[in-house]
Each structure stands twice: as structure tokens, then as C-alpha cells.
Amino acid sequence: MSQKLLFKFKYLKLELEETNNLNDKYNLEFNKDFKEEIEYLNHINSQNTQKKEPNHTQAIIDGSQKDSSDIPPDFKEIYKLLIKELHPDLKPEIYREKYEELLKKITNAYENREWLEIIMIAHEERIEIPNNLELHNQMLENNLSELEEEISATKNKLSWVWSSSFKPSKKSKEEVYSLLNIDKEKFEEWKNNKP
């Protein structure tokens, strides 16, 4: 496992955290600037929902269960090694809470196929991964790509673009209407007639 890959992963995790923090701020700004427009869209959506007849025969499908058979044996072995080495019951009482949180983090990463997160935890906890394991570099690269895509998708949200680029004005606000599928005349009519 190259240090370069681990450093890139750390960098992307930090960038994602910063992006999510800014996104929260930008969402609040956008919701404030477009309060009436959002209210109008909710009104339109609730009308459309009421017009639709409920489908009583719709099957409920639970897609939350992931198939564990697609997990490469190498990562299963790394996961087992981490659980064995970092289990809270094997640590002094004063560190138990820390290792309970770490165990949750490892399990979450394993269930979500975040291989780099698991390897990073092993690296940070100074747990040596056996050399005979053949790490799947393509899967690790895919984890990095997923992080990059998540960052990019967040930065391409309308609230992000609005709050980070535009200077709010009546003209720039109206430019966003087409992206929100708001008919300006119908919106103005709704605004004038709302209770």
C-alpha cells in the first residue's frame, strides 16, 4: 500500500468534510434567499401528490441489505484482524469508549465497502497488514473516485453555486427560476394570492 494513496485519501476526506460544512452553510443561505420560491414549489408538489391515486399493490423492497459475498477475502481478513486487535474488551477501561467508537467506524467502513478507510485505520493504529494479502488496487482507486465524485456533486448543487458565485439580486434570482422549473408569472400570481 503506497503512502501516496493514503495521503490522497486523507486529503479527500478532509476536503469532503470541509465541503459538507460549507454546503450546510450554503443550503441555509439558499433557503433564506429562496424562501417564497421553495414554499411555492412545495405547494405545487403537494397539489401534484394529491392528484395521484395511491398504489395499494406497491411492493416494499428492502434494499438496505448488502451482499457480503462480493467482499474480497483480503478485506475480510483485514477487517477480522482489526476487530481482533482493536476490540474494546481487550483494552484498558479508560480507553474503552475510544475503541468502541473505532469499532463502529471500522464496521461502518466495512459495510459500506470503504476499503481505504479500513486501511487508514490500520495504518493510524499501527497494525501491520500481512504482506501476503493481495490488496485490490482497483477497488482502492474506486474508493478515491467515489470521494472525488461526492465532492464534485456537492459543489455542483444549485445552493452551492448560488451562495459561492452569485451576488443575490432580482435579476440573478430570476435566472435560477428556470433551474427550479418556476414559471415566473404563476409564481407571482401565487404570491399575490397566498393567505
C-alpha atoms as a PDB file:
ATOM      1  CA  MET A   1       0.000   0.000   0.000  1.00  0.00           C
ATOM      2  CA  SER A   2       1.585   3.238  -1.110  1.00  0.00           C
ATOM      3  CA  GLN A   3       1.846   6.233   1.183  1.00  0.00           C
ATOM      4  CA  LYS A   4       0.732   8.393  -1.725  1.00  0.00           C
ATOM      5  CA  LEU A   5      -2.640   6.603  -1.829  1.00  0.00           C
ATOM      6  CA  LEU A   6      -3.104   7.019   1.917  1.00  0.00           C
ATOM      7  CA  PHE A   7      -2.235  10.711   1.808  1.00  0.00           C
ATOM      8  CA  LYS A   8      -4.599  11.264  -1.110  1.00  0.00           C
ATOM      9  CA  PHE A   9      -7.339   9.526   0.866  1.00  0.00           C
ATOM     10  CA  LYS A  10      -6.676  11.695   3.951  1.00  0.00           C
ATOM     11  CA  TYR A  11      -6.731  14.822   1.796  1.00  0.00           C
ATOM     12  CA  LEU A  12     -10.010  13.860   0.115  1.00  0.00           C
ATOM     13  CA  LYS A  13     -11.644  13.015   3.459  1.00  0.00           C
ATOM     14  CA  LEU A  14     -10.661  16.461   4.780  1.00  0.00           C
ATOM     15  CA  GLU A  15     -11.871  18.136   1.598  1.00  0.00           C
ATOM     16  CA  LEU A  16     -15.183  16.264   1.838  1.00  0.00           C
ATOM     17  CA  GLU A  17     -15.606  17.361   5.460  1.00  0.00           C
ATOM     18  CA  GLU A  18     -14.900  20.986   4.542  1.00  0.00           C
ATOM     19  CA  THR A  19     -17.220  20.756   1.517  1.00  0.00           C
ATOM     20  CA  ASN A  20     -20.039  19.346   3.656  1.00  0.00           C
ATOM     21  CA  ASN A  21     -19.597  22.135   6.223  1.00  0.00           C
ATOM     22  CA  LEU A  22     -19.746  24.788   3.506  1.00  0.00           C
ATOM     23  CA  ASN A  23     -22.690  23.007   1.893  1.00  0.00           C
ATOM     24  CA  ASP A  24     -24.661  23.257   5.149  1.00  0.00           C
ATOM     25  CA  LYS A  25     -23.947  26.989   5.263  1.00  0.00           C
ATOM     26  CA  TYR A  26     -24.837  27.460   1.580  1.00  0.00           C
ATOM     27  CA  ASN A  27     -28.082  25.495   1.972  1.00  0.00           C
ATOM     28  CA  LEU A  28     -29.145  27.830   4.781  1.00  0.00           C
ATOM     29  CA  GLU A  29     -28.330  30.885   2.646  1.00  0.00           C
ATOM     30  CA  PHE A  30     -30.164  29.459  -0.363  1.00  0.00           C
ATOM     31  CA  ASN A  31     -33.218  28.543   1.721  1.00  0.00           C
ATOM     32  CA  LYS A  32     -33.281  32.074   3.135  1.00  0.00           C
ATOM     33  CA  ASP A  33     -32.877  33.737  -0.285  1.00  0.00           C
ATOM     34  CA  PHE A  34     -35.496  31.484  -1.923  1.00  0.00           C
ATOM     35  CA  LYS A  35     -37.907  31.063   0.969  1.00  0.00           C
ATOM     36  CA  GLU A  36     -41.012  32.030  -1.018  1.00  0.00           C
ATOM     37  CA  GLU A  37     -39.935  30.094  -4.090  1.00  0.00           C
ATOM     38  CA  ILE A  38     -39.426  26.934  -2.024  1.00  0.00           C
ATOM     39  CA  GLU A  39     -42.797  27.471  -0.378  1.00  0.00           C
ATOM     40  CA  TYR A  40     -44.333  27.804  -3.850  1.00  0.00           C
ATOM     41  CA  LEU A  41     -42.639  24.611  -5.096  1.00  0.00           C
ATOM     42  CA  ASN A  42     -43.842  22.721  -2.016  1.00  0.00           C
ATOM     43  CA  HIS A  43     -47.366  23.969  -2.718  1.00  0.00           C
ATOM     44  CA  ILE A  44     -47.172  22.795  -6.356  1.00  0.00           C
ATOM     45  CA  ASN A  45     -45.729  19.419  -5.321  1.00  0.00           C
ATOM     46  CA  SER A  46     -48.405  18.861  -2.693  1.00  0.00           C
ATOM     47  CA  GLN A  47     -51.090  19.563  -5.311  1.00  0.00           C
ATOM     48  CA  ASN A  48     -49.489  17.096  -7.715  1.00  0.00           C
ATOM     49  CA  THR A  49     -49.227  14.453  -4.985  1.00  0.00           C
ATOM     50  CA  GLN A  50     -52.892  14.819  -4.064  1.00  0.00           C
ATOM     51  CA  LYS A  51     -53.930  14.293  -7.708  1.00  0.00           C
ATOM     52  CA  LYS A  52     -52.170  10.933  -7.932  1.00  0.00           C
ATOM     53  CA  GLU A  53     -54.061   7.850  -6.805  1.00  0.00           C
ATOM     54  CA  PRO A  54     -52.268   5.719  -4.217  1.00  0.00           C
ATOM     55  CA  ASN A  55     -50.871   2.440  -5.480  1.00  0.00           C
ATOM     56  CA  HIS A  56     -52.023  -0.174  -2.952  1.00  0.00           C
ATOM     57  CA  THR A  57     -50.225  -3.014  -4.690  1.00  0.00           C
ATOM     58  CA  GLN A  58     -46.786  -1.450  -4.452  1.00  0.00           C
ATOM     59  CA  ALA A  59     -44.307  -3.967  -3.091  1.00  0.00           C
ATOM     60  CA  ILE A  60     -41.934  -2.941  -0.340  1.00  0.00           C
ATOM     61  CA  ILE A  61     -38.403  -3.882  -1.183  1.00  0.00           C
ATOM     62  CA  ASP A  62     -35.632  -3.624   1.366  1.00  0.00           C
ATOM     63  CA  GLY A  63     -32.503  -2.566  -0.479  1.00  0.00           C
ATOM     64  CA  SER A  64     -30.532  -1.816   2.660  1.00  0.00           C
ATOM     65  CA  GLN A  65     -29.005  -5.275   2.956  1.00  0.00           C
ATOM     66  CA  LYS A  66     -25.770  -5.588   1.031  1.00  0.00           C
ATOM     67  CA  ASP A  67     -24.470  -8.893  -0.187  1.00  0.00           C
ATOM     68  CA  SER A  68     -21.321  -9.763   1.750  1.00  0.00           C
ATOM     69  CA  SER A  69     -20.252 -12.342  -0.837  1.00  0.00           C
ATOM     70  CA  ASP A  70     -18.850  -9.560  -3.028  1.00  0.00           C
ATOM     71  CA  ILE A  71     -16.275  -8.563  -0.404  1.00  0.00           C
ATOM     72  CA  PRO A  72     -12.797  -9.730  -1.421  1.00  0.00           C
ATOM     73  CA  PRO A  73     -11.249 -12.228   1.008  1.00  0.00           C
ATOM     74  CA  ASP A  74      -8.271  -9.908   1.600  1.00  0.00           C
ATOM     75  CA  PHE A  75     -10.531  -7.221   3.014  1.00  0.00           C
ATOM     76  CA  LYS A  76     -12.425  -9.738   5.106  1.00  0.00           C
ATOM     77  CA  GLU A  77      -9.098 -10.807   6.581  1.00  0.00           C
ATOM     78  CA  ILE A  78      -8.053  -7.183   7.249  1.00  0.00           C
ATOM     79  CA  TYR A  79     -11.426  -6.481   8.868  1.00  0.00           C
ATOM     80  CA  LYS A  80     -11.122  -9.537  11.144  1.00  0.00           C
ATOM     81  CA  LEU A  81      -7.578  -8.545  12.070  1.00  0.00           C
ATOM     82  CA  LEU A  82      -8.693  -5.021  13.034  1.00  0.00           C
ATOM     83  CA  ILE A  83     -11.633  -6.289  15.070  1.00  0.00           C
ATOM     84  CA  LYS A  84      -9.345  -8.710  16.894  1.00  0.00           C
ATOM     85  CA  GLU A  85      -6.625  -6.126  17.576  1.00  0.00           C
ATOM     86  CA  LEU A  86      -8.873  -3.177  18.453  1.00  0.00           C
ATOM     87  CA  HIS A  87     -11.747  -4.802  20.292  1.00  0.00           C
ATOM     88  CA  PRO A  88     -12.734  -2.631  23.297  1.00  0.00           C
ATOM     89  CA  ASP A  89     -12.931  -5.613  25.642  1.00  0.00           C
ATOM     90  CA  LEU A  90      -9.199  -6.160  25.137  1.00  0.00           C
ATOM     91  CA  LYS A  91      -8.258  -2.586  26.037  1.00  0.00           C
ATOM     92  CA  PRO A  92      -7.885  -0.863  29.417  1.00  0.00           C
ATOM     93  CA  GLU A  93     -11.124   0.577  30.813  1.00  0.00           C
ATOM     94  CA  ILE A  94     -10.026   4.204  30.297  1.00  0.00           C
ATOM     95  CA  TYR A  95      -9.723   3.613  26.527  1.00  0.00           C
ATOM     96  CA  ARG A  96     -12.891   1.556  26.115  1.00  0.00           C
ATOM     97  CA  GLU A  97     -15.048   4.395  24.769  1.00  0.00           C
ATOM     98  CA  LYS A  98     -12.402   5.319  22.190  1.00  0.00           C
ATOM     99  CA  TYR A  99     -12.190   1.757  20.915  1.00  0.00           C
ATOM    100  CA  GLU A 100     -15.956   1.310  20.897  1.00  0.00           C
ATOM    101  CA  GLU A 101     -16.193   4.323  18.563  1.00  0.00           C
ATOM    102  CA  LEU A 102     -13.326   2.993  16.476  1.00  0.00           C
ATOM    103  CA  LEU A 103     -15.043  -0.390  16.201  1.00  0.00           C
ATOM    104  CA  LYS A 104     -18.223   1.317  14.960  1.00  0.00           C
ATOM    105  CA  LYS A 105     -16.166   3.254  12.426  1.00  0.00           C
ATOM    106  CA  ILE A 106     -14.461   0.069  11.180  1.00  0.00           C
ATOM    107  CA  THR A 107     -17.746  -1.817  10.897  1.00  0.00           C
ATOM    108  CA  ASN A 108     -19.404   1.069   9.077  1.00  0.00           C
ATOM    109  CA  ALA A 109     -16.489   1.316   6.643  1.00  0.00           C
ATOM    110  CA  TYR A 110     -16.593  -2.456   6.057  1.00  0.00           C
ATOM    111  CA  GLU A 111     -20.352  -2.487   5.444  1.00  0.00           C
ATOM    112  CA  ASN A 112     -20.052   0.467   3.040  1.00  0.00           C
ATOM    113  CA  ARG A 113     -17.086  -1.022   1.168  1.00  0.00           C
ATOM    114  CA  GLU A 114     -14.786   1.844   2.181  1.00  0.00           C
ATOM    115  CA  TRP A 115     -11.577  -0.121   1.883  1.00  0.00           C
ATOM    116  CA  LEU A 116      -9.274   2.857   2.169  1.00  0.00           C
ATOM    117  CA  GLU A 117     -10.918   3.871   5.440  1.00  0.00           C
ATOM    118  CA  ILE A 118     -10.185   0.415   6.850  1.00  0.00           C
ATOM    119  CA  ILE A 119      -6.580   0.506   5.662  1.00  0.00           C
ATOM    120  CA  MET A 120      -6.188   4.048   7.036  1.00  0.00           C
ATOM    121  CA  ILE A 121      -7.403   2.937  10.456  1.00  0.00           C
ATOM    122  CA  ALA A 122      -4.939   0.037  10.400  1.00  0.00           C
ATOM    123  CA  HIS A 123      -2.175   2.468   9.446  1.00  0.00           C
ATOM    124  CA  GLU A 124      -3.117   5.001  12.159  1.00  0.00           C
ATOM    125  CA  GLU A 125      -3.370   2.278  14.820  1.00  0.00           C
ATOM    126  CA  ARG A 126      -0.021   0.845  13.695  1.00  0.00           C
ATOM    127  CA  ILE A 127      -1.492  -2.525  12.831  1.00  0.00           C
ATOM    128  CA  GLU A 128       0.613  -4.213  10.235  1.00  0.00           C
ATOM    129  CA  ILE A 129      -1.334  -5.723   7.394  1.00  0.00           C
ATOM    130  CA  PRO A 130       0.170  -9.057   6.380  1.00  0.00           C
ATOM    131  CA  ASN A 131       2.343  -8.799   3.274  1.00  0.00           C
ATOM    132  CA  ASN A 132       0.814 -11.892   1.729  1.00  0.00           C
ATOM    133  CA  LEU A 133      -2.519 -10.106   1.235  1.00  0.00           C
ATOM    134  CA  GLU A 134      -3.034  -9.037  -2.331  1.00  0.00           C
ATOM    135  CA  LEU A 135      -4.711  -5.661  -1.982  1.00  0.00           C
ATOM    136  CA  HIS A 136      -7.076  -4.817  -4.778  1.00  0.00           C
ATOM    137  CA  ASN A 137      -5.699  -1.533  -6.082  1.00  0.00           C
ATOM    138  CA  GLN A 138      -8.606  -1.011  -8.484  1.00  0.00           C
ATOM    139  CA  MET A 139     -11.076  -1.172  -5.605  1.00  0.00           C
ATOM    140  CA  LEU A 140      -8.989   1.294  -3.629  1.00  0.00           C
ATOM    141  CA  GLU A 141      -8.822   3.646  -6.614  1.00  0.00           C
ATOM    142  CA  ASN A 142     -12.603   3.313  -6.917  1.00  0.00           C
ATOM    143  CA  ASN A 143     -12.939   4.448  -3.281  1.00  0.00           C
ATOM    144  CA  LEU A 144     -10.902   7.557  -4.124  1.00  0.00           C
ATOM    145  CA  SER A 145     -13.022   8.208  -7.218  1.00  0.00           C
ATOM    146  CA  GLU A 146     -16.219   7.909  -5.168  1.00  0.00           C
ATOM    147  CA  LEU A 147     -14.928  10.543  -2.741  1.00  0.00           C
ATOM    148  CA  GLU A 148     -13.984  12.856  -5.617  1.00  0.00           C
ATOM    149  CA  GLU A 149     -17.429  12.370  -7.204  1.00  0.00           C
ATOM    150  CA  GLU A 150     -19.182  13.114  -3.905  1.00  0.00           C
ATOM    151  CA  ILE A 151     -17.206  16.356  -3.520  1.00  0.00           C
ATOM    152  CA  SER A 152     -17.913  17.342  -7.116  1.00  0.00           C
ATOM    153  CA  ALA A 153     -21.642  16.557  -6.843  1.00  0.00           C
ATOM    154  CA  THR A 154     -21.924  18.737  -3.739  1.00  0.00           C
ATOM    155  CA  LYS A 155     -20.107  21.621  -5.415  1.00  0.00           C
ATOM    156  CA  ASN A 156     -22.461  21.364  -8.399  1.00  0.00           C
ATOM    157  CA  LYS A 157     -25.621  21.766  -6.311  1.00  0.00           C
ATOM    158  CA  LEU A 158     -27.670  24.849  -7.029  1.00  0.00           C
ATOM    159  CA  SER A 159     -27.370  26.088  -3.445  1.00  0.00           C
ATOM    160  CA  TRP A 160     -23.557  25.840  -3.668  1.00  0.00           C
ATOM    161  CA  VAL A 161     -23.371  27.686  -6.981  1.00  0.00           C
ATOM    162  CA  TRP A 162     -25.818  30.336  -5.771  1.00  0.00           C
ATOM    163  CA  SER A 163     -24.068  31.061  -2.487  1.00  0.00           C
ATOM    164  CA  SER A 164     -20.496  30.814  -3.719  1.00  0.00           C
ATOM    165  CA  SER A 165     -20.840  32.542  -7.104  1.00  0.00           C
ATOM    166  CA  PHE A 166     -23.819  34.823  -7.469  1.00  0.00           C
ATOM    167  CA  LYS A 167     -24.349  38.194  -5.905  1.00  0.00           C
ATOM    168  CA  PRO A 168     -28.016  37.981  -4.972  1.00  0.00           C
ATOM    169  CA  SER A 169     -30.107  40.380  -6.998  1.00  0.00           C
ATOM    170  CA  LYS A 170     -33.556  40.291  -8.523  1.00  0.00           C
ATOM    171  CA  LYS A 171     -32.082  39.547 -11.976  1.00  0.00           C
ATOM    172  CA  SER A 172     -29.800  36.696 -10.850  1.00  0.00           C
ATOM    173  CA  LYS A 173     -32.616  35.275  -8.730  1.00  0.00           C
ATOM    174  CA  GLU A 174     -34.881  35.089 -11.766  1.00  0.00           C
ATOM    175  CA  GLU A 175     -32.130  33.256 -13.671  1.00  0.00           C
ATOM    176  CA  VAL A 176     -32.430  30.448 -11.115  1.00  0.00           C
ATOM    177  CA  TYR A 177     -36.181  30.114 -11.731  1.00  0.00           C
ATOM    178  CA  SER A 178     -35.637  28.095 -14.898  1.00  0.00           C
ATOM    179  CA  LEU A 179     -33.412  25.678 -12.977  1.00  0.00           C
ATOM    180  CA  LEU A 180     -36.130  25.280 -10.357  1.00  0.00           C
ATOM    181  CA  ASN A 181     -38.837  24.968 -13.048  1.00  0.00           C
ATOM    182  CA  ILE A 182     -40.656  28.011 -11.734  1.00  0.00           C
ATOM    183  CA  ASP A 183     -42.957  29.869 -14.089  1.00  0.00           C
ATOM    184  CA  LYS A 184     -42.418  33.483 -13.022  1.00  0.00           C
ATOM    185  CA  GLU A 185     -45.964  34.599 -13.867  1.00  0.00           C
ATOM    186  CA  LYS A 186     -47.579  31.699 -11.988  1.00  0.00           C
ATOM    187  CA  PHE A 187     -45.253  32.270  -9.067  1.00  0.00           C
ATOM    188  CA  GLU A 188     -46.133  35.968  -8.890  1.00  0.00           C
ATOM    189  CA  GLU A 189     -49.835  35.097  -9.111  1.00  0.00           C
ATOM    190  CA  TRP A 190     -49.467  32.551  -6.287  1.00  0.00           C
ATOM    191  CA  LYS A 191     -47.506  35.066  -4.202  1.00  0.00           C
ATOM    192  CA  ASN A 192     -50.197  37.719  -4.599  1.00  0.00           C
ATOM    193  CA  ASN A 193     -52.994  35.279  -3.710  1.00  0.00           C
ATOM    194  CA  LYS A 194     -51.425  33.351  -0.848  1.00  0.00           C
ATOM    195  CA  PRO A 195     -53.059  33.744   2.580  1.00  0.00           C
END
